[in-house]
Amino acid sequence: MRTIEMKVTEAGFEPNEVHVQAGEAVRLDIKRVAARTCATSIESPGLLAKTRLPLGEKVSVEFTPCDSGSFRFGCSMQMHIGGTLVVAR
């Protein structure tokens, strides 16, 4: 399983672009370090279920993407804070 470390800062998700392979098991280890952000959760419709991101705690999100393409991820509002998950074949 490939592990990718992420943070949620006042600037958003870091990194905000993640590259993985289709069929590759992935674990995102995410730590929200900013109190002032709307990114108190992460989700990607069709790829990542909504997961709460408590302040100061590392949260692991595991998934295995089946399809290649670019998938948007971000806060529950899917407006400003987010990024792209790029899945290669």
PDB file of N, CA and C in Angstrom:
ATOM      1  N   MET A   1       0.848  -1.182   0.000  1.00  0.00           N
ATOM      2  CA  MET A   1       0.000   0.000   0.000  1.00  0.00           C
ATOM      3  C   MET A   1       0.890   1.241   0.000  1.00  0.00           C
ATOM      4  N   ARG A   2       0.575   2.163  -0.870  1.00  0.00           N
ATOM      5  CA  ARG A   2       1.332   3.414  -0.948  1.00  0.00           C
ATOM      6  C   ARG A   2       0.711   4.438  -0.003  1.00  0.00           C
ATOM      7  N   THR A   3       1.552   5.083   0.795  1.00  0.00           N
ATOM      8  CA  THR A   3       1.084   6.087   1.748  1.00  0.00           C
ATOM      9  C   THR A   3       1.515   7.472   1.287  1.00  0.00           C
ATOM     10  N   ILE A   4       0.576   8.392   1.299  1.00  0.00           N
ATOM     11  CA  ILE A   4       0.840   9.775   0.915  1.00  0.00           C
ATOM     12  C   ILE A   4       0.475  10.668   2.095  1.00  0.00           C
ATOM     13  N   GLU A   5       1.435  11.453   2.558  1.00  0.00           N
ATOM     14  CA  GLU A   5       1.215  12.379   3.675  1.00  0.00           C
ATOM     15  C   GLU A   5       0.629  13.687   3.142  1.00  0.00           C
ATOM     16  N   MET A   6      -0.432  14.152   3.787  1.00  0.00           N
ATOM     17  CA  MET A   6      -1.056  15.422   3.412  1.00  0.00           C
ATOM     18  C   MET A   6      -1.314  16.239   4.669  1.00  0.00           C
ATOM     19  N   LYS A   7      -1.402  17.559   4.474  1.00  0.00           N
ATOM     20  CA  LYS A   7      -1.784  18.478   5.548  1.00  0.00           C
ATOM     21  C   LYS A   7      -2.903  19.361   5.036  1.00  0.00           C
ATOM     22  N   VAL A   8      -3.709  19.845   5.955  1.00  0.00           N
ATOM     23  CA  VAL A   8      -4.668  20.892   5.641  1.00  0.00           C
ATOM     24  C   VAL A   8      -4.201  22.126   6.392  1.00  0.00           C
ATOM     25  N   THR A   9      -3.780  23.134   5.644  1.00  0.00           N
ATOM     26  CA  THR A   9      -3.308  24.399   6.210  1.00  0.00           C
ATOM     27  C   THR A   9      -4.316  25.482   5.845  1.00  0.00           C
ATOM     28  N   GLU A  10      -4.036  26.712   6.234  1.00  0.00           N
ATOM     29  CA  GLU A  10      -4.924  27.813   5.856  1.00  0.00           C
ATOM     30  C   GLU A  10      -4.939  28.013   4.346  1.00  0.00           C
ATOM     31  N   ALA A  11      -3.914  27.522   3.650  1.00  0.00           N
ATOM     32  CA  ALA A  11      -3.849  27.619   2.186  1.00  0.00           C
ATOM     33  C   ALA A  11      -4.620  26.492   1.510  1.00  0.00           C
ATOM     34  N   GLY A  12      -4.972  25.443   2.259  1.00  0.00           N
ATOM     35  CA  GLY A  12      -5.716  24.317   1.697  1.00  0.00           C
ATOM     36  C   GLY A  12      -4.991  23.004   1.880  1.00  0.00           C
ATOM     37  N   PHE A  13      -5.287  22.047   1.004  1.00  0.00           N
ATOM     38  CA  PHE A  13      -4.657  20.727   1.066  1.00  0.00           C
ATOM     39  C   PHE A  13      -3.257  20.808   0.484  1.00  0.00           C
ATOM     40  N   GLU A  14      -2.304  20.224   1.170  1.00  0.00           N
ATOM     41  CA  GLU A  14      -0.912  20.184   0.708  1.00  0.00           C
ATOM     42  C   GLU A  14      -0.411  18.753   0.788  1.00  0.00           C
ATOM     43  N   PRO A  15      -0.018  18.145  -0.344  1.00  0.00           N
ATOM     44  CA  PRO A  15      -0.078  18.696  -1.692  1.00  0.00           C
ATOM     45  C   PRO A  15      -1.517  18.734  -2.196  1.00  0.00           C
ATOM     46  N   ASN A  16      -1.755  19.598  -3.189  1.00  0.00           N
ATOM     47  CA  ASN A  16      -3.111  19.687  -3.730  1.00  0.00           C
ATOM     48  C   ASN A  16      -3.247  18.919  -5.045  1.00  0.00           C
ATOM     49  N   GLU A  17      -2.183  18.238  -5.473  1.00  0.00           N
ATOM     50  CA  GLU A  17      -2.264  17.329  -6.611  1.00  0.00           C
ATOM     51  C   GLU A  17      -1.532  16.048  -6.233  1.00  0.00           C
ATOM     52  N   VAL A  18      -2.226  14.934  -6.372  1.00  0.00           N
ATOM     53  CA  VAL A  18      -1.689  13.638  -5.977  1.00  0.00           C
ATOM     54  C   VAL A  18      -1.774  12.702  -7.183  1.00  0.00           C
ATOM     55  N   HIS A  19      -0.666  12.012  -7.488  1.00  0.00           N
ATOM     56  CA  HIS A  19      -0.611  11.087  -8.624  1.00  0.00           C
ATOM     57  C   HIS A  19      -0.505   9.652  -8.110  1.00  0.00           C
ATOM     58  N   VAL A  20      -1.404   8.789  -8.595  1.00  0.00           N
ATOM     59  CA  VAL A  20      -1.410   7.372  -8.234  1.00  0.00           C
ATOM     60  C   VAL A  20      -1.700   6.548  -9.481  1.00  0.00           C
ATOM     61  N   GLN A  21      -1.607   5.238  -9.353  1.00  0.00           N
ATOM     62  CA  GLN A  21      -1.891   4.305 -10.438  1.00  0.00           C
ATOM     63  C   GLN A  21      -3.246   3.640 -10.212  1.00  0.00           C
ATOM     64  N   ALA A  22      -3.966   3.376 -11.281  1.00  0.00           N
ATOM     65  CA  ALA A  22      -5.207   2.610 -11.177  1.00  0.00           C
ATOM     66  C   ALA A  22      -4.864   1.222 -10.643  1.00  0.00           C
ATOM     67  N   GLY A  23      -5.646   0.730  -9.719  1.00  0.00           N
ATOM     68  CA  GLY A  23      -5.422  -0.581  -9.117  1.00  0.00           C
ATOM     69  C   GLY A  23      -4.438  -0.568  -7.965  1.00  0.00           C
ATOM     70  N   GLU A  24      -3.835   0.568  -7.684  1.00  0.00           N
ATOM     71  CA  GLU A  24      -2.859   0.705  -6.596  1.00  0.00           C
ATOM     72  C   GLU A  24      -3.592   1.050  -5.295  1.00  0.00           C
ATOM     73  N   ALA A  25      -3.353   0.272  -4.255  1.00  0.00           N
ATOM     74  CA  ALA A  25      -3.924   0.585  -2.939  1.00  0.00           C
ATOM     75  C   ALA A  25      -3.210   1.822  -2.391  1.00  0.00           C
ATOM     76  N   VAL A  26      -3.999   2.794  -1.941  1.00  0.00           N
ATOM     77  CA  VAL A  26      -3.460   4.079  -1.494  1.00  0.00           C
ATOM     78  C   VAL A  26      -4.017   4.408  -0.117  1.00  0.00           C
ATOM     79  N   ARG A  27      -3.162   4.975   0.715  1.00  0.00           N
ATOM     80  CA  ARG A  27      -3.615   5.504   2.002  1.00  0.00           C
ATOM     81  C   ARG A  27      -3.178   6.959   2.079  1.00  0.00           C
ATOM     82  N   LEU A  28      -4.137   7.854   2.253  1.00  0.00           N
ATOM     83  CA  LEU A  28      -3.840   9.259   2.497  1.00  0.00           C
ATOM     84  C   LEU A  28      -3.812   9.463   4.000  1.00  0.00           C
ATOM     85  N   ASP A  29      -2.665   9.871   4.527  1.00  0.00           N
ATOM     86  CA  ASP A  29      -2.564  10.245   5.934  1.00  0.00           C
ATOM     87  C   ASP A  29      -2.658  11.762   5.995  1.00  0.00           C
ATOM     88  N   ILE A  30      -3.784  12.258   6.512  1.00  0.00           N
ATOM     89  CA  ILE A  30      -4.091  13.683   6.459  1.00  0.00           C
ATOM     90  C   ILE A  30      -4.149  14.251   7.871  1.00  0.00           C
ATOM     91  N   LYS A  31      -3.463  15.380   8.055  1.00  0.00           N
ATOM     92  CA  LYS A  31      -3.503  16.060   9.351  1.00  0.00           C
ATOM     93  C   LYS A  31      -3.921  17.510   9.116  1.00  0.00           C
ATOM     94  N   ARG A  32      -5.029  17.899   9.747  1.00  0.00           N
ATOM     95  CA  ARG A  32      -5.476  19.292   9.658  1.00  0.00           C
ATOM     96  C   ARG A  32      -4.767  20.093  10.731  1.00  0.00           C
ATOM     97  N   VAL A  33      -3.941  21.059  10.291  1.00  0.00           N
ATOM     98  CA  VAL A  33      -3.164  21.858  11.229  1.00  0.00           C
ATOM     99  C   VAL A  33      -3.700  23.282  11.351  1.00  0.00           C
ATOM    100  N   ALA A  34      -4.714  23.624  10.555  1.00  0.00           N
ATOM    101  CA  ALA A  34      -5.295  24.965  10.589  1.00  0.00           C
ATOM    102  C   ALA A  34      -6.699  24.910  11.171  1.00  0.00           C
ATOM    103  N   ALA A  35      -6.939  25.772  12.149  1.00  0.00           N
ATOM    104  CA  ALA A  35      -8.282  25.850  12.727  1.00  0.00           C
ATOM    105  C   ALA A  35      -9.206  26.659  11.806  1.00  0.00           C
ATOM    106  N   ARG A  36      -8.639  27.670  11.148  1.00  0.00           N
ATOM    107  CA  ARG A  36      -9.431  28.555  10.290  1.00  0.00           C
ATOM    108  C   ARG A  36      -9.427  28.034   8.855  1.00  0.00           C
ATOM    109  N   THR A  37     -10.291  27.080   8.581  1.00  0.00           N
ATOM    110  CA  THR A  37     -10.452  26.517   7.248  1.00  0.00           C
ATOM    111  C   THR A  37     -11.822  25.873   7.155  1.00  0.00           C
ATOM    112  N   CYS A  38     -12.373  25.845   5.954  1.00  0.00           N
ATOM    113  CA  CYS A  38     -13.638  25.127   5.780  1.00  0.00           C
ATOM    114  C   CYS A  38     -13.379  23.644   5.520  1.00  0.00           C
ATOM    115  N   ALA A  39     -12.109  23.267   5.359  1.00  0.00           N
ATOM    116  CA  ALA A  39     -11.754  21.872   5.066  1.00  0.00           C
ATOM    117  C   ALA A  39     -11.681  21.055   6.358  1.00  0.00           C
ATOM    118  N   THR A  40     -12.824  20.891   6.993  1.00  0.00           N
ATOM    119  CA  THR A  40     -12.901  20.069   8.200  1.00  0.00           C
ATOM    120  C   THR A  40     -13.251  18.631   7.847  1.00  0.00           C
ATOM    121  N   SER A  41     -13.360  18.374   6.542  1.00  0.00           N
ATOM    122  CA  SER A  41     -13.556  17.022   6.036  1.00  0.00           C
ATOM    123  C   SER A  41     -13.008  16.971   4.615  1.00  0.00           C
ATOM    124  N   ILE A  42     -12.866  15.746   4.100  1.00  0.00           N
ATOM    125  CA  ILE A  42     -12.424  15.548   2.717  1.00  0.00           C
ATOM    126  C   ILE A  42     -13.376  14.562   2.064  1.00  0.00           C
ATOM    127  N   GLU A  43     -13.633  14.786   0.770  1.00  0.00           N
ATOM    128  CA  GLU A  43     -14.418  13.833   0.005  1.00  0.00           C
ATOM    129  C   GLU A  43     -14.129  14.028  -1.479  1.00  0.00           C
ATOM    130  N   SER A  44     -14.430  12.994  -2.241  1.00  0.00           N
ATOM    131  CA  SER A  44     -14.331  13.032  -3.693  1.00  0.00           C
ATOM    132  C   SER A  44     -15.455  12.144  -4.217  1.00  0.00           C
ATOM    133  N   PRO A  45     -16.521  12.758  -4.721  1.00  0.00           N
ATOM    134  CA  PRO A  45     -17.657  11.966  -5.178  1.00  0.00           C
ATOM    135  C   PRO A  45     -17.233  10.833  -6.123  1.00  0.00           C
ATOM    136  N   GLY A  46     -17.662   9.627  -5.796  1.00  0.00           N
ATOM    137  CA  GLY A  46     -17.332   8.460  -6.603  1.00  0.00           C
ATOM    138  C   GLY A  46     -15.996   7.836  -6.289  1.00  0.00           C
ATOM    139  N   LEU A  47     -15.202   8.463  -5.409  1.00  0.00           N
ATOM    140  CA  LEU A  47     -13.876   7.927  -5.100  1.00  0.00           C
ATOM    141  C   LEU A  47     -13.617   7.851  -3.600  1.00  0.00           C
ATOM    142  N   LEU A  48     -13.801   8.956  -2.886  1.00  0.00           N
ATOM    143  CA  LEU A  48     -13.563   9.000  -1.438  1.00  0.00           C
ATOM    144  C   LEU A  48     -14.849   9.369  -0.722  1.00  0.00           C
ATOM    145  N   ALA A  49     -15.228   8.570   0.251  1.00  0.00           N
ATOM    146  CA  ALA A  49     -16.382   8.915   1.080  1.00  0.00           C
ATOM    147  C   ALA A  49     -16.017  10.093   1.981  1.00  0.00           C
ATOM    148  N   LYS A  50     -17.004  10.863   2.385  1.00  0.00           N
ATOM    149  CA  LYS A  50     -16.766  11.999   3.270  1.00  0.00           C
ATOM    150  C   LYS A  50     -16.128  11.508   4.567  1.00  0.00           C
ATOM    151  N   THR A  51     -15.005  12.121   4.923  1.00  0.00           N
ATOM    152  CA  THR A  51     -14.265  11.751   6.132  1.00  0.00           C
ATOM    153  C   THR A  51     -13.951  13.014   6.917  1.00  0.00           C
ATOM    154  N   ARG A  52     -14.305  13.033   8.190  1.00  0.00           N
ATOM    155  CA  ARG A  52     -14.017  14.181   9.066  1.00  0.00           C
ATOM    156  C   ARG A  52     -12.517  14.303   9.301  1.00  0.00           C
ATOM    157  N   LEU A  53     -12.053  15.538   9.418  1.00  0.00           N
ATOM    158  CA  LEU A  53     -10.640  15.826   9.681  1.00  0.00           C
ATOM    159  C   LEU A  53     -10.543  16.687  10.937  1.00  0.00           C
ATOM    160  N   PRO A  54     -10.523  16.052  12.120  1.00  0.00           N
ATOM    161  CA  PRO A  54     -10.422  16.818  13.368  1.00  0.00           C
ATOM    162  C   PRO A  54      -9.091  17.568  13.441  1.00  0.00           C
ATOM    163  N   LEU A  55      -9.111  18.741  14.017  1.00  0.00           N
ATOM    164  CA  LEU A  55      -7.917  19.566  14.166  1.00  0.00           C
ATOM    165  C   LEU A  55      -6.838  18.834  14.952  1.00  0.00           C
ATOM    166  N   GLY A  56      -5.631  18.776  14.394  1.00  0.00           N
ATOM    167  CA  GLY A  56      -4.472  18.222  15.084  1.00  0.00           C
ATOM    168  C   GLY A  56      -4.358  16.710  15.101  1.00  0.00           C
ATOM    169  N   GLU A  57      -5.306  16.005  14.484  1.00  0.00           N
ATOM    170  CA  GLU A  57      -5.268  14.541  14.482  1.00  0.00           C
ATOM    171  C   GLU A  57      -4.986  14.024  13.075  1.00  0.00           C
ATOM    172  N   LYS A  58      -4.144  12.985  12.988  1.00  0.00           N
ATOM    173  CA  LYS A  58      -3.898  12.345  11.703  1.00  0.00           C
ATOM    174  C   LYS A  58      -5.038  11.378  11.427  1.00  0.00           C
ATOM    175  N   VAL A  59      -5.608  11.487  10.227  1.00  0.00           N
ATOM    176  CA  VAL A  59      -6.698  10.620   9.788  1.00  0.00           C
ATOM    177  C   VAL A  59      -6.232   9.887   8.539  1.00  0.00           C
ATOM    178  N   SER A  60      -6.457   8.584   8.490  1.00  0.00           N
ATOM    179  CA  SER A  60      -6.070   7.793   7.321  1.00  0.00           C
ATOM    180  C   SER A  60      -7.309   7.466   6.492  1.00  0.00           C
ATOM    181  N   VAL A  61      -7.185   7.688   5.183  1.00  0.00           N
ATOM    182  CA  VAL A  61      -8.245   7.374   4.229  1.00  0.00           C
ATOM    183  C   VAL A  61      -7.655   6.397   3.232  1.00  0.00           C
ATOM    184  N   GLU A  62      -8.228   5.183   3.160  1.00  0.00           N
ATOM    185  CA  GLU A  62      -7.704   4.162   2.259  1.00  0.00           C
ATOM    186  C   GLU A  62      -8.668   3.922   1.102  1.00  0.00           C
ATOM    187  N   PHE A  63      -8.097   3.728  -0.091  1.00  0.00           N
ATOM    188  CA  PHE A  63      -8.907   3.457  -1.269  1.00  0.00           C
ATOM    189  C   PHE A  63      -8.027   2.840  -2.353  1.00  0.00           C
ATOM    190  N   THR A  64      -8.670   2.233  -3.327  1.00  0.00           N
ATOM    191  CA  THR A  64      -7.986   1.686  -4.504  1.00  0.00           C
ATOM    192  C   THR A  64      -8.750   2.172  -5.727  1.00  0.00           C
ATOM    193  N   PRO A  65      -8.193   3.148  -6.453  1.00  0.00           N
ATOM    194  CA  PRO A  65      -8.901   3.661  -7.621  1.00  0.00           C
ATOM    195  C   PRO A  65      -8.913   2.623  -8.746  1.00  0.00           C
ATOM    196  N   CYS A  66     -10.053   2.443  -9.377  1.00  0.00           N
ATOM    197  CA  CYS A  66     -10.194   1.477 -10.471  1.00  0.00           C
ATOM    198  C   CYS A  66     -10.054   2.139 -11.837  1.00  0.00           C
ATOM    199  N   ASP A  67     -10.556   3.360 -11.953  1.00  0.00           N
ATOM    200  CA  ASP A  67     -10.563   4.048 -13.237  1.00  0.00           C
ATOM    201  C   ASP A  67      -9.496   5.127 -13.295  1.00  0.00           C
ATOM    202  N   SER A  68      -8.922   5.314 -14.466  1.00  0.00           N
ATOM    203  CA  SER A  68      -7.953   6.387 -14.645  1.00  0.00           C
ATOM    204  C   SER A  68      -8.694   7.698 -14.901  1.00  0.00           C
ATOM    205  N   GLY A  69      -7.996   8.795 -14.707  1.00  0.00           N
ATOM    206  CA  GLY A  69      -8.574  10.119 -14.933  1.00  0.00           C
ATOM    207  C   GLY A  69      -8.199  11.072 -13.824  1.00  0.00           C
ATOM    208  N   SER A  70      -8.758  12.255 -13.867  1.00  0.00           N
ATOM    209  CA  SER A  70      -8.543  13.280 -12.847  1.00  0.00           C
ATOM    210  C   SER A  70      -9.812  13.417 -12.022  1.00  0.00           C
ATOM    211  N   PHE A  71      -9.646  13.333 -10.716  1.00  0.00           N
ATOM    212  CA  PHE A  71     -10.777  13.383  -9.797  1.00  0.00           C
ATOM    213  C   PHE A  71     -10.555  14.527  -8.814  1.00  0.00           C
ATOM    214  N   ARG A  72     -11.534  15.370  -8.670  1.00  0.00           N
ATOM    215  CA  ARG A  72     -11.467  16.490  -7.734  1.00  0.00           C
ATOM    216  C   ARG A  72     -11.730  15.985  -6.323  1.00  0.00           C
ATOM    217  N   PHE A  73     -10.945  16.463  -5.361  1.00  0.00           N
ATOM    218  CA  PHE A  73     -11.218  16.192  -3.952  1.00  0.00           C
ATOM    219  C   PHE A  73     -11.222  17.518  -3.221  1.00  0.00           C
ATOM    220  N   GLY A  74     -11.872  17.537  -2.068  1.00  0.00           N
ATOM    221  CA  GLY A  74     -11.877  18.769  -1.302  1.00  0.00           C
ATOM    222  C   GLY A  74     -12.806  18.721  -0.125  1.00  0.00           C
ATOM    223  N   CYS A  75     -13.088  19.915   0.384  1.00  0.00           N
ATOM    224  CA  CYS A  75     -13.990  20.032   1.524  1.00  0.00           C
ATOM    225  C   CYS A  75     -15.396  19.651   1.082  1.00  0.00           C
ATOM    226  N   SER A  76     -16.283  19.525   2.011  1.00  0.00           N
ATOM    227  CA  SER A  76     -17.652  19.082   1.716  1.00  0.00           C
ATOM    228  C   SER A  76     -18.401  20.024   0.786  1.00  0.00           C
ATOM    229  N   MET A  77     -18.061  21.296   0.806  1.00  0.00           N
ATOM    230  CA  MET A  77     -18.744  22.255  -0.060  1.00  0.00           C
ATOM    231  C   MET A  77     -18.227  22.173  -1.493  1.00  0.00           C
ATOM    232  N   GLN A  78     -17.071  21.539  -1.712  1.00  0.00           N
ATOM    233  CA  GLN A  78     -16.484  21.390  -3.044  1.00  0.00           C
ATOM    234  C   GLN A  78     -16.399  22.727  -3.782  1.00  0.00           C
ATOM    235  N   MET A  79     -16.001  23.788  -3.051  1.00  0.00           N
ATOM    236  CA  MET A  79     -15.975  25.107  -3.682  1.00  0.00           C
ATOM    237  C   MET A  79     -14.550  25.607  -3.891  1.00  0.00           C
ATOM    238  N   HIS A  80     -13.871  25.973  -2.827  1.00  0.00           N
ATOM    239  CA  HIS A  80     -12.588  26.644  -2.973  1.00  0.00           C
ATOM    240  C   HIS A  80     -11.397  25.783  -2.565  1.00  0.00           C
ATOM    241  N   ILE A  81     -11.525  25.062  -1.480  1.00  0.00           N
ATOM    242  CA  ILE A  81     -10.386  24.328  -0.960  1.00  0.00           C
ATOM    243  C   ILE A  81     -10.455  22.885  -1.462  1.00  0.00           C
ATOM    244  N   GLY A  82      -9.451  22.513  -2.227  1.00  0.00           N
ATOM    245  CA  GLY A  82      -9.441  21.165  -2.754  1.00  0.00           C
ATOM    246  C   GLY A  82      -8.218  20.908  -3.602  1.00  0.00           C
ATOM    247  N   GLY A  83      -8.297  19.864  -4.381  1.00  0.00           N
ATOM    248  CA  GLY A  83      -7.187  19.503  -5.234  1.00  0.00           C
ATOM    249  C   GLY A  83      -7.618  18.450  -6.231  1.00  0.00           C
ATOM    250  N   THR A  84      -6.626  17.830  -6.859  1.00  0.00           N
ATOM    251  CA  THR A  84      -6.893  16.855  -7.898  1.00  0.00           C
ATOM    252  C   THR A  84      -6.144  15.565  -7.608  1.00  0.00           C
ATOM    253  N   LEU A  85      -6.834  14.467  -7.750  1.00  0.00           N
ATOM    254  CA  LEU A  85      -6.245  13.144  -7.652  1.00  0.00           C
ATOM    255  C   LEU A  85      -6.138  12.633  -9.087  1.00  0.00           C
ATOM    256  N   VAL A  86      -4.902  12.473  -9.573  1.00  0.00           N
ATOM    257  CA  VAL A  86      -4.663  12.040 -10.936  1.00  0.00           C
ATOM    258  C   VAL A  86      -4.354  10.547 -10.910  1.00  0.00           C
ATOM    259  N   VAL A  87      -5.194   9.757 -11.571  1.00  0.00           N
ATOM    260  CA  VAL A  87      -5.042   8.298 -11.592  1.00  0.00           C
ATOM    261  C   VAL A  87      -4.604   7.887 -12.989  1.00  0.00           C
ATOM    262  N   ALA A  88      -3.400   7.312 -13.079  1.00  0.00           N
ATOM    263  CA  ALA A  88      -2.866   6.839 -14.362  1.00  0.00           C
ATOM    264  C   ALA A  88      -3.173   5.366 -14.547  1.00  0.00           C
ATOM    265  N   ARG A  89      -3.263   4.930 -15.756  1.00  0.00           N
ATOM    266  CA  ARG A  89      -3.525   3.523 -16.084  1.00  0.00           C
ATOM    267  C   ARG A  89      -2.232   2.759 -16.030  1.00  0.00           C
TER     268      ARG A  89
END
